[in-house]
C-alpha cells in the first residue's frame, strides 16, 4: 500500500503527488523553471545575435543592405539549429519576407 504524504508547501495540506508537492504546487514549480530557462535562452540568443552581426559586419547576406537582424539559413521548423554556421546577418525586409 502506498504511503500518502502531505505537500511540502507550508499550509497546503493537499496530498503530495510528486517530489513531495501536490499537483498545483508541482505545476507552479515547473512554470517557474520554464521562465528561468527562457531568461537564459534570451540572454544567450542576444549574445549569439550580436556575434553573428559583428561577424557579418552588419551587412545583409541576401541583398547587401545594412543588417539589423539574424536569419536562419535552414529554418528551425525544418530542423535547423542556432549554430553560428546556420545563422547570417539579414536586413529586416528579407528576414520578415523569409519568415
PDB file of N, CA and C in Angstrom:
ATOM      1  N   UNK A   1       0.832  -1.164   0.000  1.00  0.00           N
ATOM      2  CA  UNK A   1       0.000   0.000   0.000  1.00  0.00           C
ATOM      3  C   UNK A   1       0.891   1.247   0.000  1.00  0.00           C
ATOM      4  N   UNK A   2       0.644   2.209  -0.943  1.00  0.00           N
ATOM      5  CA  UNK A   2       1.488   3.401  -0.999  1.00  0.00           C
ATOM      6  C   UNK A   2       1.247   4.312   0.206  1.00  0.00           C
ATOM      7  N   UNK A   3       2.308   4.945   0.598  1.00  0.00           N
ATOM      8  CA  UNK A   3       2.235   5.863   1.725  1.00  0.00           C
ATOM      9  C   UNK A   3       1.890   7.255   1.185  1.00  0.00           C
ATOM     10  N   UNK A   4       0.832   7.857   1.705  1.00  0.00           N
ATOM     11  CA  UNK A   4       0.446   9.195   1.283  1.00  0.00           C
ATOM     12  C   UNK A   4       1.169  10.224   2.135  1.00  0.00           C
ATOM     13  N   UNK A   5       1.673  11.229   1.484  1.00  0.00           N
ATOM     14  CA  UNK A   5       2.337  12.304   2.199  1.00  0.00           C
ATOM     15  C   UNK A   5       1.617  13.616   1.901  1.00  0.00           C
ATOM     16  N   UNK A   6       1.910  14.593   2.687  1.00  0.00           N
ATOM     17  CA  UNK A   6       1.295  15.909   2.546  1.00  0.00           C
ATOM     18  C   UNK A   6       2.266  16.805   1.782  1.00  0.00           C
ATOM     19  N   UNK A   7       1.705  17.732   1.016  1.00  0.00           N
ATOM     20  CA  UNK A   7       2.502  18.669   0.224  1.00  0.00           C
ATOM     21  C   UNK A   7       3.512  19.403   1.102  1.00  0.00           C
ATOM     22  N   UNK A   8       4.703  19.613   0.572  1.00  0.00           N
ATOM     23  CA  UNK A   8       5.783  20.257   1.318  1.00  0.00           C
ATOM     24  C   UNK A   8       5.571  21.760   1.496  1.00  0.00           C
ATOM     25  N   UNK A   9       4.679  22.366   0.716  1.00  0.00           N
ATOM     26  CA  UNK A   9       4.413  23.795   0.857  1.00  0.00           C
ATOM     27  C   UNK A   9       3.707  24.053   2.184  1.00  0.00           C
ATOM     28  N   UNK A  10       4.195  24.996   2.969  1.00  0.00           N
ATOM     29  CA  UNK A  10       3.570  25.287   4.272  1.00  0.00           C
ATOM     30  C   UNK A  10       2.113  25.706   4.113  1.00  0.00           C
ATOM     31  N   UNK A  11       1.255  25.086   4.897  1.00  0.00           N
ATOM     32  CA  UNK A  11      -0.155  25.442   4.920  1.00  0.00           C
ATOM     33  C   UNK A  11      -0.982  24.854   3.791  1.00  0.00           C
ATOM     34  N   UNK A  12      -0.418  24.000   2.945  1.00  0.00           N
ATOM     35  CA  UNK A  12      -1.169  23.467   1.805  1.00  0.00           C
ATOM     36  C   UNK A  12      -2.121  22.356   2.252  1.00  0.00           C
ATOM     37  N   UNK A  13      -1.587  21.280   2.807  1.00  0.00           N
ATOM     38  CA  UNK A  13      -2.417  20.199   3.311  1.00  0.00           C
ATOM     39  C   UNK A  13      -2.915  19.209   2.272  1.00  0.00           C
ATOM     40  N   UNK A  14      -2.660  19.437   0.987  1.00  0.00           N
ATOM     41  CA  UNK A  14      -3.081  18.513  -0.061  1.00  0.00           C
ATOM     42  C   UNK A  14      -2.162  17.292  -0.086  1.00  0.00           C
ATOM     43  N   UNK A  15      -2.651  16.201  -0.670  1.00  0.00           N
ATOM     44  CA  UNK A  15      -1.820  15.012  -0.823  1.00  0.00           C
ATOM     45  C   UNK A  15      -0.732  15.276  -1.857  1.00  0.00           C
ATOM     46  N   UNK A  16       0.476  14.861  -1.532  1.00  0.00           N
ATOM     47  CA  UNK A  16       1.609  15.042  -2.440  1.00  0.00           C
ATOM     48  C   UNK A  16       1.516  14.027  -3.570  1.00  0.00           C
ATOM     49  N   UNK A  17       1.788  14.489  -4.768  1.00  0.00           N
ATOM     50  CA  UNK A  17       1.750  13.630  -5.937  1.00  0.00           C
ATOM     51  C   UNK A  17       3.161  13.249  -6.347  1.00  0.00           C
ATOM     52  N   UNK A  18       4.023  14.243  -6.454  1.00  0.00           N
ATOM     53  CA  UNK A  18       5.377  14.014  -6.948  1.00  0.00           C
ATOM     54  C   UNK A  18       6.321  15.003  -6.277  1.00  0.00           C
ATOM     55  N   UNK A  19       7.532  14.580  -6.001  1.00  0.00           N
ATOM     56  CA  UNK A  19       8.564  15.430  -5.387  1.00  0.00           C
ATOM     57  C   UNK A  19       8.099  16.082  -4.081  1.00  0.00           C
ATOM     58  N   UNK A  20       7.185  15.444  -3.366  1.00  0.00           N
ATOM     59  CA  UNK A  20       6.720  15.982  -2.100  1.00  0.00           C
ATOM     60  C   UNK A  20       5.778  17.169  -2.230  1.00  0.00           C
ATOM     61  N   UNK A  21       5.241  17.394  -3.448  1.00  0.00           N
ATOM     62  CA  UNK A  21       4.339  18.521  -3.671  1.00  0.00           C
ATOM     63  C   UNK A  21       3.029  18.031  -4.266  1.00  0.00           C
ATOM     64  N   UNK A  22       1.968  18.809  -4.012  1.00  0.00           N
ATOM     65  CA  UNK A  22       0.685  18.492  -4.641  1.00  0.00           C
ATOM     66  C   UNK A  22       0.756  18.898  -6.111  1.00  0.00           C
ATOM     67  N   UNK A  23      -0.218  18.510  -6.893  1.00  0.00           N
ATOM     68  CA  UNK A  23      -0.168  18.777  -8.333  1.00  0.00           C
ATOM     69  C   UNK A  23      -0.144  20.272  -8.635  1.00  0.00           C
ATOM     70  N   UNK A  24      -0.852  21.086  -7.886  1.00  0.00           N
ATOM     71  CA  UNK A  24      -0.870  22.534  -8.126  1.00  0.00           C
ATOM     72  C   UNK A  24       0.500  23.155  -7.881  1.00  0.00           C
ATOM     73  N   UNK A  25       1.150  22.784  -6.783  1.00  0.00           N
ATOM     74  CA  UNK A  25       2.466  23.344  -6.487  1.00  0.00           C
ATOM     75  C   UNK A  25       3.541  22.758  -7.410  1.00  0.00           C
ATOM     76  N   UNK A  26       3.363  21.529  -7.855  1.00  0.00           N
ATOM     77  CA  UNK A  26       4.303  20.947  -8.813  1.00  0.00           C
ATOM     78  C   UNK A  26       4.233  21.706 -10.133  1.00  0.00           C
ATOM     79  N   UNK A  27       3.024  22.025 -10.588  1.00  0.00           N
ATOM     80  CA  UNK A  27       2.835  22.774 -11.822  1.00  0.00           C
ATOM     81  C   UNK A  27       3.442  24.170 -11.706  1.00  0.00           C
ATOM     82  N   UNK A  28       3.232  24.823 -10.563  1.00  0.00           N
ATOM     83  CA  UNK A  28       3.803  26.148 -10.339  1.00  0.00           C
ATOM     84  C   UNK A  28       5.327  26.089 -10.396  1.00  0.00           C
ATOM     85  N   UNK A  29       5.911  25.070  -9.813  1.00  0.00           N
ATOM     86  CA  UNK A  29       7.365  24.914  -9.817  1.00  0.00           C
ATOM     87  C   UNK A  29       7.889  24.709 -11.236  1.00  0.00           C
ATOM     88  N   UNK A  30       7.183  23.905 -12.032  1.00  0.00           N
ATOM     89  CA  UNK A  30       7.599  23.674 -13.414  1.00  0.00           C
ATOM     90  C   UNK A  30       7.512  24.949 -14.245  1.00  0.00           C
ATOM     91  N   UNK A  31       6.481  25.750 -14.030  1.00  0.00           N
ATOM     92  CA  UNK A  31       6.345  27.027 -14.754  1.00  0.00           C
ATOM     93  C   UNK A  31       7.475  27.980 -14.395  1.00  0.00           C
ATOM     94  N   UNK A  32       7.838  28.050 -13.121  1.00  0.00           N
ATOM     95  CA  UNK A  32       8.947  28.905 -12.700  1.00  0.00           C
ATOM     96  C   UNK A  32      10.249  28.444 -13.336  1.00  0.00           C
ATOM     97  N   UNK A  33      10.444  27.141 -13.435  1.00  0.00           N
ATOM     98  CA  UNK A  33      11.636  26.586 -14.054  1.00  0.00           C
ATOM     99  C   UNK A  33      11.673  26.938 -15.548  1.00  0.00           C
ATOM    100  N   UNK A  34      10.521  26.858 -16.216  1.00  0.00           N
ATOM    101  CA  UNK A  34      10.448  27.214 -17.633  1.00  0.00           C
ATOM    102  C   UNK A  34      10.774  28.683 -17.852  1.00  0.00           C
ATOM    103  N   UNK A  35      10.261  29.569 -17.000  1.00  0.00           N
ATOM    104  CA  UNK A  35      10.555  31.003 -17.112  1.00  0.00           C
ATOM    105  C   UNK A  35      12.044  31.264 -16.944  1.00  0.00           C
ATOM    106  N   UNK A  36      12.662  30.546 -16.026  1.00  0.00           N
ATOM    107  CA  UNK A  36      14.091  30.696 -15.799  1.00  0.00           C
ATOM    108  C   UNK A  36      14.869  30.284 -17.041  1.00  0.00           C
ATOM    109  N   UNK A  37      14.467  29.194 -17.673  1.00  0.00           N
ATOM    110  CA  UNK A  37      15.130  28.742 -18.901  1.00  0.00           C
ATOM    111  C   UNK A  37      14.955  29.747 -20.030  1.00  0.00           C
ATOM    112  N   UNK A  38      13.766  30.358 -20.123  1.00  0.00           N
ATOM    113  CA  UNK A  38      13.517  31.363 -21.158  1.00  0.00           C
ATOM    114  C   UNK A  38      14.436  32.557 -20.977  1.00  0.00           C
ATOM    115  N   UNK A  39      14.632  32.988 -19.719  1.00  0.00           N
ATOM    116  CA  UNK A  39      15.524  34.114 -19.477  1.00  0.00           C
ATOM    117  C   UNK A  39      16.943  33.781 -19.905  1.00  0.00           C
ATOM    118  N   UNK A  40      17.407  32.581 -19.615  1.00  0.00           N
ATOM    119  CA  UNK A  40      18.750  32.172 -20.014  1.00  0.00           C
ATOM    120  C   UNK A  40      18.862  32.092 -21.531  1.00  0.00           C
ATOM    121  N   UNK A  41      17.844  31.544 -22.191  1.00  0.00           N
ATOM    122  CA  UNK A  41      17.831  31.443 -23.648  1.00  0.00           C
ATOM    123  C   UNK A  41      17.860  32.824 -24.267  1.00  0.00           C
ATOM    124  N   UNK A  42      17.106  33.741 -23.692  1.00  0.00           N
ATOM    125  CA  UNK A  42      17.039  35.091 -24.207  1.00  0.00           C
ATOM    126  C   UNK A  42      18.409  35.756 -24.137  1.00  0.00           C
ATOM    127  N   UNK A  43      19.103  35.614 -23.022  1.00  0.00           N
ATOM    128  CA  UNK A  43      20.432  36.201 -22.867  1.00  0.00           C
ATOM    129  C   UNK A  43      21.406  35.554 -23.842  1.00  0.00           C
ATOM    130  N   UNK A  44      21.372  34.241 -23.945  1.00  0.00           N
ATOM    131  CA  UNK A  44      22.271  33.531 -24.855  1.00  0.00           C
ATOM    132  C   UNK A  44      21.994  33.927 -26.305  1.00  0.00           C
ATOM    133  N   UNK A  45      20.696  34.075 -26.657  1.00  0.00           N
ATOM    134  CA  UNK A  45      20.349  34.450 -28.018  1.00  0.00           C
ATOM    135  C   UNK A  45      20.845  35.857 -28.338  1.00  0.00           C
ATOM    136  N   UNK A  46      20.690  36.802 -27.411  1.00  0.00           N
ATOM    137  CA  UNK A  46      21.169  38.168 -27.652  1.00  0.00           C
ATOM    138  C   UNK A  46      22.671  38.184 -27.887  1.00  0.00           C
ATOM    139  N   UNK A  47      23.397  37.401 -27.118  1.00  0.00           N
ATOM    140  CA  UNK A  47      24.847  37.328 -27.259  1.00  0.00           C
ATOM    141  C   UNK A  47      25.225  36.719 -28.611  1.00  0.00           C
ATOM    142  N   UNK A  48      24.570  35.622 -28.992  1.00  0.00           N
ATOM    143  CA  UNK A  48      24.835  34.973 -30.265  1.00  0.00           C
ATOM    144  C   UNK A  48      24.480  35.894 -31.431  1.00  0.00           C
ATOM    145  N   UNK A  49      23.356  36.579 -31.327  1.00  0.00           N
ATOM    146  CA  UNK A  49      22.912  37.509 -32.364  1.00  0.00           C
ATOM    147  C   UNK A  49      23.960  38.600 -32.579  1.00  0.00           C
ATOM    148  N   UNK A  50      24.465  39.162 -31.481  1.00  0.00           N
ATOM    149  CA  UNK A  50      25.491  40.209 -31.572  1.00  0.00           C
ATOM    150  C   UNK A  50      26.759  39.674 -32.234  1.00  0.00           C
ATOM    151  N   UNK A  51      27.144  38.436 -31.928  1.00  0.00           N
ATOM    152  CA  UNK A  51      28.339  37.838 -32.520  1.00  0.00           C
ATOM    153  C   UNK A  51      28.169  37.642 -34.029  1.00  0.00           C
ATOM    154  N   UNK A  52      26.982  37.173 -34.444  1.00  0.00           N
ATOM    155  CA  UNK A  52      26.735  36.937 -35.870  1.00  0.00           C
ATOM    156  C   UNK A  52      26.721  38.261 -36.631  1.00  0.00           C
ATOM    157  N   UNK A  53      26.056  39.276 -36.078  1.00  0.00           N
ATOM    158  CA  UNK A  53      26.027  40.578 -36.744  1.00  0.00           C
ATOM    159  C   UNK A  53      27.434  41.162 -36.874  1.00  0.00           C
ATOM    160  N   UNK A  54      28.247  41.040 -35.828  1.00  0.00           N
ATOM    161  CA  UNK A  54      29.625  41.537 -35.887  1.00  0.00           C
ATOM    162  C   UNK A  54      30.442  40.740 -36.902  1.00  0.00           C
ATOM    163  N   UNK A  55      30.265  39.421 -36.917  1.00  0.00           N
ATOM    164  CA  UNK A  55      30.983  38.576 -37.866  1.00  0.00           C
ATOM    165  C   UNK A  55      30.681  38.979 -39.305  1.00  0.00           C
ATOM    166  N   UNK A  56      29.409  39.262 -39.593  1.00  0.00           N
ATOM    167  CA  UNK A  56      28.992  39.624 -40.951  1.00  0.00           C
ATOM    168  C   UNK A  56      29.062  41.132 -41.204  1.00  0.00           C
ATOM    169  N   UNK A  57      29.640  41.870 -40.254  1.00  0.00           N
ATOM    170  CA  UNK A  57      29.862  43.315 -40.365  1.00  0.00           C
ATOM    171  C   UNK A  57      28.590  44.110 -40.617  1.00  0.00           C
ATOM    172  N   UNK A  58      27.493  43.642 -40.036  1.00  0.00           N
ATOM    173  CA  UNK A  58      26.197  44.326 -40.127  1.00  0.00           C
ATOM    174  C   UNK A  58      25.754  44.565 -41.575  1.00  0.00           C
ATOM    175  N   UNK A  59      26.123  43.631 -42.456  1.00  0.00           N
ATOM    176  CA  UNK A  59      25.727  43.696 -43.863  1.00  0.00           C
ATOM    177  C   UNK A  59      24.833  42.502 -44.166  1.00  0.00           C
ATOM    178  N   UNK A  60      23.671  42.755 -44.782  1.00  0.00           N
ATOM    179  CA  UNK A  60      22.724  41.697 -45.104  1.00  0.00           C
ATOM    180  C   UNK A  60      23.370  40.719 -46.092  1.00  0.00           C
ATOM    181  N   UNK A  61      23.327  39.443 -45.778  1.00  0.00           N
ATOM    182  CA  UNK A  61      23.907  38.413 -46.644  1.00  0.00           C
ATOM    183  C   UNK A  61      23.078  38.192 -47.904  1.00  0.00           C
ATOM    184  N   UNK A  62      21.852  38.702 -47.940  1.00  0.00           N
ATOM    185  CA  UNK A  62      20.962  38.476 -49.080  1.00  0.00           C
ATOM    186  C   UNK A  62      21.041  39.621 -50.078  1.00  0.00           C
ATOM    187  N   UNK A  63      20.940  40.865 -49.579  1.00  0.00           N
ATOM    188  CA  UNK A  63      20.884  41.998 -50.510  1.00  0.00           C
ATOM    189  C   UNK A  63      22.031  42.987 -50.352  1.00  0.00           C
ATOM    190  N   UNK A  64      22.823  42.894 -49.289  1.00  0.00           N
ATOM    191  CA  UNK A  64      23.948  43.797 -49.094  1.00  0.00           C
ATOM    192  C   UNK A  64      23.605  45.085 -48.360  1.00  0.00           C
ATOM    193  N   UNK A  65      22.363  45.265 -47.955  1.00  0.00           N
ATOM    194  CA  UNK A  65      21.955  46.456 -47.207  1.00  0.00           C
ATOM    195  C   UNK A  65      22.429  46.344 -45.755  1.00  0.00           C
ATOM    196  N   UNK A  66      22.169  47.367 -44.987  1.00  0.00           N
ATOM    197  CA  UNK A  66      22.509  47.358 -43.570  1.00  0.00           C
ATOM    198  C   UNK A  66      21.653  46.315 -42.839  1.00  0.00           C
ATOM    199  N   UNK A  67      22.287  45.455 -42.091  1.00  0.00           N
ATOM    200  CA  UNK A  67      21.577  44.377 -41.396  1.00  0.00           C
ATOM    201  C   UNK A  67      21.336  44.737 -39.945  1.00  0.00           C
ATOM    202  N   UNK A  68      20.146  44.401 -39.462  1.00  0.00           N
ATOM    203  CA  UNK A  68      19.817  44.640 -38.055  1.00  0.00           C
ATOM    204  C   UNK A  68      19.163  43.417 -37.412  1.00  0.00           C
ATOM    205  N   UNK A  69      19.149  42.297 -38.106  1.00  0.00           N
ATOM    206  CA  UNK A  69      18.580  41.068 -37.551  1.00  0.00           C
ATOM    207  C   UNK A  69      19.377  39.873 -38.054  1.00  0.00           C
ATOM    208  N   UNK A  70      19.043  38.716 -37.495  1.00  0.00           N
ATOM    209  CA  UNK A  70      19.742  37.478 -37.846  1.00  0.00           C
ATOM    210  C   UNK A  70      18.746  36.503 -38.452  1.00  0.00           C
ATOM    211  N   UNK A  71      19.154  35.828 -39.502  1.00  0.00           N
ATOM    212  CA  UNK A  71      18.294  34.903 -40.227  1.00  0.00           C
ATOM    213  C   UNK A  71      18.884  33.499 -40.158  1.00  0.00           C
ATOM    214  N   UNK A  72      18.036  32.490 -40.011  1.00  0.00           N
ATOM    215  CA  UNK A  72      18.482  31.094 -40.075  1.00  0.00           C
ATOM    216  C   UNK A  72      18.541  30.678 -41.540  1.00  0.00           C
ATOM    217  N   UNK A  73      19.655  30.114 -41.969  1.00  0.00           N
ATOM    218  CA  UNK A  73      19.773  29.613 -43.335  1.00  0.00           C
ATOM    219  C   UNK A  73      18.796  28.451 -43.507  1.00  0.00           C
ATOM    220  N   UNK A  74      18.883  27.469 -42.642  1.00  0.00           N
ATOM    221  CA  UNK A  74      17.909  26.375 -42.586  1.00  0.00           C
ATOM    222  C   UNK A  74      17.002  26.689 -41.408  1.00  0.00           C
ATOM    223  N   UNK A  75      15.727  26.910 -41.684  1.00  0.00           N
ATOM    224  CA  UNK A  75      14.787  27.319 -40.644  1.00  0.00           C
ATOM    225  C   UNK A  75      14.729  26.311 -39.503  1.00  0.00           C
ATOM    226  N   UNK A  76      14.432  26.801 -38.314  1.00  0.00           N
ATOM    227  CA  UNK A  76      14.292  25.944 -37.137  1.00  0.00           C
ATOM    228  C   UNK A  76      13.160  24.944 -37.366  1.00  0.00           C
ATOM    229  N   UNK A  77      12.100  25.378 -38.043  1.00  0.00           N
ATOM    230  CA  UNK A  77      10.974  24.486 -38.341  1.00  0.00           C
ATOM    231  C   UNK A  77      11.392  23.329 -39.246  1.00  0.00           C
ATOM    232  N   UNK A  78      12.450  23.525 -40.023  1.00  0.00           N
ATOM    233  CA  UNK A  78      12.975  22.476 -40.906  1.00  0.00           C
ATOM    234  C   UNK A  78      14.186  21.792 -40.290  1.00  0.00           C
ATOM    235  N   UNK A  79      14.241  21.803 -38.978  1.00  0.00           N
ATOM    236  CA  UNK A  79      15.302  21.167 -38.194  1.00  0.00           C
ATOM    237  C   UNK A  79      16.638  21.891 -38.280  1.00  0.00           C
ATOM    238  N   UNK A  80      16.593  23.182 -38.538  1.00  0.00           N
ATOM    239  CA  UNK A  80      17.808  23.988 -38.476  1.00  0.00           C
ATOM    240  C   UNK A  80      18.141  24.284 -37.025  1.00  0.00           C
ATOM    241  N   UNK A  81      19.367  24.657 -36.776  1.00  0.00           N
ATOM    242  CA  UNK A  81      19.799  24.897 -35.403  1.00  0.00           C
ATOM    243  C   UNK A  81      20.209  26.354 -35.222  1.00  0.00           C
ATOM    244  N   UNK A  82      20.561  26.697 -33.986  1.00  0.00           N
ATOM    245  CA  UNK A  82      21.077  28.027 -33.688  1.00  0.00           C
ATOM    246  C   UNK A  82      22.600  28.049 -33.763  1.00  0.00           C
ATOM    247  N   UNK A  83      23.169  27.106 -34.479  1.00  0.00           N
ATOM    248  CA  UNK A  83      24.609  27.073 -34.678  1.00  0.00           C
ATOM    249  C   UNK A  83      25.026  28.305 -35.479  1.00  0.00           C
ATOM    250  N   UNK A  84      26.127  28.950 -35.128  1.00  0.00           N
ATOM    251  CA  UNK A  84      26.552  30.142 -35.868  1.00  0.00           C
ATOM    252  C   UNK A  84      26.723  29.919 -37.369  1.00  0.00           C
ATOM    253  N   UNK A  85      27.051  28.697 -37.783  1.00  0.00           N
ATOM    254  CA  UNK A  85      27.182  28.418 -39.214  1.00  0.00           C
ATOM    255  C   UNK A  85      25.835  28.412 -39.924  1.00  0.00           C
ATOM    256  N   UNK A  86      24.750  28.275 -39.176  1.00  0.00           N
ATOM    257  CA  UNK A  86      23.412  28.280 -39.753  1.00  0.00           C
ATOM    258  C   UNK A  86      22.750  29.659 -39.629  1.00  0.00           C
ATOM    259  N   UNK A  87      23.484  30.637 -39.135  1.00  0.00           N
ATOM    260  CA  UNK A  87      22.946  31.981 -38.952  1.00  0.00           C
ATOM    261  C   UNK A  87      23.684  32.961 -39.852  1.00  0.00           C
ATOM    262  N   UNK A  88      22.955  33.971 -40.322  1.00  0.00           N
ATOM    263  CA  UNK A  88      23.564  35.020 -41.133  1.00  0.00           C
ATOM    264  C   UNK A  88      22.852  36.336 -40.847  1.00  0.00           C
ATOM    265  N   UNK A  89      23.588  37.415 -41.055  1.00  0.00           N
ATOM    266  CA  UNK A  89      23.001  38.739 -40.866  1.00  0.00           C
ATOM    267  C   UNK A  89      22.020  38.996 -41.992  1.00  0.00           C
ATOM    268  N   UNK A  90      20.914  39.673 -41.667  1.00  0.00           N
ATOM    269  CA  UNK A  90      19.902  39.981 -42.672  1.00  0.00           C
ATOM    270  C   UNK A  90      19.237  41.299 -42.333  1.00  0.00           C
ATOM    271  N   UNK A  91      18.833  42.010 -43.371  1.00  0.00           N
ATOM    272  CA  UNK A  91      18.043  43.212 -43.131  1.00  0.00           C
ATOM    273  C   UNK A  91      16.640  42.761 -42.728  1.00  0.00           C
ATOM    274  N   UNK A  92      15.916  43.619 -42.063  1.00  0.00           N
ATOM    275  CA  UNK A  92      14.601  43.228 -41.559  1.00  0.00           C
ATOM    276  C   UNK A  92      13.642  42.892 -42.702  1.00  0.00           C
ATOM    277  N   UNK A  93      13.797  43.551 -43.859  1.00  0.00           N
ATOM    278  CA  UNK A  93      12.920  43.282 -45.007  1.00  0.00           C
ATOM    279  C   UNK A  93      13.016  41.811 -45.429  1.00  0.00           C
ATOM    280  N   UNK A  94      14.223  41.315 -45.650  1.00  0.00           N
ATOM    281  CA  UNK A  94      14.372  39.929 -46.101  1.00  0.00           C
ATOM    282  C   UNK A  94      14.121  38.919 -44.988  1.00  0.00           C
ATOM    283  N   UNK A  95      14.458  39.293 -43.752  1.00  0.00           N
ATOM    284  CA  UNK A  95      14.210  38.366 -42.643  1.00  0.00           C
ATOM    285  C   UNK A  95      12.722  38.148 -42.463  1.00  0.00           C
ATOM    286  N   UNK A  96      11.915  39.210 -42.542  1.00  0.00           N
ATOM    287  CA  UNK A  96      10.464  39.055 -42.428  1.00  0.00           C
ATOM    288  C   UNK A  96       9.886  38.352 -43.651  1.00  0.00           C
ATOM    289  N   UNK A  97      10.443  38.626 -44.800  1.00  0.00           N
ATOM    290  CA  UNK A  97       9.960  38.000 -46.034  1.00  0.00           C
ATOM    291  C   UNK A  97      10.190  36.486 -46.035  1.00  0.00           C
ATOM    292  N   UNK A  98      11.359  36.072 -45.538  1.00  0.00           N
ATOM    293  CA  UNK A  98      11.659  34.634 -45.477  1.00  0.00           C
ATOM    294  C   UNK A  98      10.880  33.944 -44.362  1.00  0.00           C
ATOM    295  N   UNK A  99      10.589  34.673 -43.291  1.00  0.00           N
ATOM    296  CA  UNK A  99       9.922  34.080 -42.138  1.00  0.00           C
ATOM    297  C   UNK A  99       8.514  33.698 -42.464  1.00  0.00           C
TER     298      UNK A  99
END
